């Protein structure tokens, strides 16, 4: 009985530690993105890291156009995939730093924010074209 209690305490401690580490990783990514946003508000293009070490999302901060960018040490594994084909604002409404991305707990999902009017979109990246999407959150 004593061994069972000690085992349960060890398991609960390990699970709690793991959950805290994951939460801290997510907070660090968001803090880094927020700090980068404040430093690069005048940039037209920005790269946002995903939780996959080989993939970034390239964002046109003026109009919301996005691409998935994958790099690798092998030449045939480098590419850019379009995430959305249409600007999210008219050319007249474009402004550097207007759009930014925020990571979520899902490795493939980001939230795109229009910092001028507050509109949001769910952004999903993937190597499979049918799994890529940019849809408004209403």
Protein backbone atom coordinates (compact mmCIF):
# COMPACT_ATOMS: atom_id res chain seq x y z
CA UNK A 1 0.00 0.00 0.00
CA UNK A 2 2.84 2.35 0.91
CA UNK A 3 4.53 1.65 -2.44
CA UNK A 4 1.30 2.41 -4.30
CA UNK A 5 0.92 5.78 -2.58
CA UNK A 6 4.53 6.71 -3.32
CA UNK A 7 4.06 5.63 -6.96
CA UNK A 8 0.91 7.76 -7.30
CA UNK A 9 2.67 10.78 -5.82
CA UNK A 10 5.57 10.39 -8.26
CA UNK A 11 3.21 10.04 -11.25
CA UNK A 12 1.13 13.07 -10.23
CA UNK A 13 4.27 15.15 -9.69
CA UNK A 14 5.66 14.18 -13.10
CA UNK A 15 2.34 14.91 -14.85
CA UNK A 16 2.05 18.31 -13.16
CA UNK A 17 5.65 19.18 -14.08
CA UNK A 18 5.09 18.19 -17.71
CA UNK A 19 1.90 20.27 -17.94
CA UNK A 20 3.70 23.29 -16.48
CA UNK A 21 6.58 22.93 -18.96
CA UNK A 22 4.13 22.82 -21.90
CA UNK A 23 2.27 25.86 -20.59
CA UNK A 24 5.55 27.78 -20.18
CA UNK A 25 6.64 26.87 -23.74
CA UNK A 26 3.39 28.23 -25.15
CA UNK A 27 3.64 31.41 -23.06
CA UNK A 28 7.26 31.92 -24.21
CA UNK A 29 6.26 31.60 -27.88
CA UNK A 30 3.43 34.10 -27.39
CA UNK A 31 5.70 36.50 -25.44
CA UNK A 32 8.33 36.32 -28.19
CA UNK A 33 5.70 37.02 -30.87
CA UNK A 34 4.24 39.91 -28.88
CA UNK A 35 7.69 41.41 -28.31
CA UNK A 36 8.54 40.95 -32.00
CA UNK A 37 5.26 42.64 -32.95
CA UNK A 38 6.13 45.70 -30.89
CA UNK A 39 9.60 45.91 -32.45
CA UNK A 40 8.56 45.30 -36.07
CA UNK A 41 5.27 47.16 -36.53
CA UNK A 42 6.63 48.89 -39.66
CA UNK A 43 7.66 45.65 -41.40
CA UNK A 44 5.67 44.61 -44.46
CA UNK A 45 6.63 40.94 -44.13
CA UNK A 46 7.20 38.94 -40.95
CA UNK A 47 8.02 35.32 -40.23
CA UNK A 48 6.20 33.59 -37.38
CA UNK A 49 7.63 30.33 -36.03
CA UNK A 50 5.41 27.29 -35.70
CA UNK A 51 5.98 24.57 -33.14
CA UNK A 52 7.43 22.50 -36.01
CA UNK A 53 11.14 23.37 -36.29
CA UNK A 54 11.06 23.30 -40.11
CA UNK A 55 8.04 25.55 -40.71
CA UNK A 56 7.24 29.25 -40.42
CA UNK A 57 4.30 31.34 -41.53
CA UNK A 58 5.21 34.35 -43.67
CA UNK A 59 2.70 37.17 -43.19
CA UNK A 60 2.20 40.29 -45.25
CA UNK A 61 1.30 42.62 -42.37
CA UNK A 62 -0.30 45.14 -44.77
CA UNK A 63 -3.04 42.95 -46.25
CA UNK A 64 -3.09 39.56 -44.44
CA UNK A 65 -1.69 37.40 -47.25
CA UNK A 66 0.14 34.35 -45.82
CA UNK A 67 2.43 31.53 -46.91
CA UNK A 68 3.73 28.44 -45.17
CA UNK A 69 7.53 28.45 -45.47
CA UNK A 70 9.42 25.21 -44.95
CA UNK A 71 13.20 25.00 -44.84
CA UNK A 72 15.42 21.95 -44.59
CA UNK A 73 18.99 20.84 -45.11
CA UNK A 74 17.84 18.89 -48.18
CA UNK A 75 17.10 21.02 -51.22
CA UNK A 76 13.93 19.18 -52.25
CA UNK A 77 12.25 19.82 -48.87
CA UNK A 78 12.29 23.65 -49.13
CA UNK A 79 9.12 25.33 -50.32
CA UNK A 80 6.46 28.00 -49.83
CA UNK A 81 2.75 27.12 -49.87
CA UNK A 82 0.05 29.75 -50.20
CA UNK A 83 -2.32 29.84 -47.22
CA UNK A 84 -4.65 32.49 -48.63
CA UNK A 85 -4.86 33.95 -52.13
CA UNK A 86 -6.94 37.06 -51.48
CA UNK A 87 -5.99 40.14 -49.45
CA UNK A 88 -8.19 40.59 -46.38
CA UNK A 89 -8.49 44.36 -46.89
CA UNK A 90 -8.67 46.65 -49.92
CA UNK A 91 -5.48 48.23 -51.24
CA UNK A 92 -6.68 51.59 -49.86
CA UNK A 93 -6.97 50.07 -46.34
CA UNK A 94 -3.49 48.50 -46.32
CA UNK A 95 -1.08 49.62 -43.61
CA UNK A 96 2.25 48.16 -42.45
CA UNK A 97 1.81 46.23 -39.19
CA UNK A 98 -1.97 45.98 -39.56
CA UNK A 99 -2.04 42.15 -39.24
CA UNK A 100 -0.28 39.87 -36.79
CA UNK A 101 -0.41 36.19 -35.82
CA UNK A 102 -0.82 34.56 -32.43
CA UNK A 103 -0.02 30.88 -31.80
CA UNK A 104 -2.53 28.54 -30.17
CA UNK A 105 -2.06 25.30 -28.25
CA UNK A 106 -2.66 23.44 -31.55
CA UNK A 107 0.63 23.05 -33.45
CA UNK A 108 -1.08 23.74 -36.81
CA UNK A 109 -3.35 26.63 -35.80
CA UNK A 110 -2.79 30.36 -35.38
CA UNK A 111 -5.14 33.28 -34.85
CA UNK A 112 -4.72 36.16 -37.31
CA UNK A 113 -5.67 39.55 -35.85
CA UNK A 114 -6.48 42.74 -37.72
CA UNK A 115 -5.07 45.17 -35.17
CA UNK A 116 -7.07 48.11 -36.57
CA UNK A 117 -10.61 46.72 -36.50
CA UNK A 118 -10.26 43.63 -34.27
CA UNK A 119 -11.38 41.04 -36.85
CA UNK A 120 -9.92 37.57 -36.37
CA UNK A 121 -9.32 34.51 -38.55
CA UNK A 122 -8.37 30.92 -37.82
CA UNK A 123 -5.23 30.04 -39.79
CA UNK A 124 -4.39 26.39 -40.35
CA UNK A 125 -1.12 25.34 -42.02
CA UNK A 126 -0.35 21.86 -43.31
CA UNK A 127 1.70 20.02 -45.90
CA UNK A 128 -1.63 18.73 -47.27
CA UNK A 129 -3.46 21.35 -49.34
CA UNK A 130 -6.94 20.26 -48.23
CA UNK A 131 -6.01 20.88 -44.59
CA UNK A 132 -4.84 24.49 -45.12
CA UNK A 133 -7.37 27.19 -44.36
CA UNK A 134 -7.97 30.78 -43.37
CA UNK A 135 -11.52 31.31 -42.10
CA UNK A 136 -13.08 34.25 -40.25
CA UNK A 137 -13.96 33.88 -36.59
CA UNK A 138 -17.27 35.65 -36.09
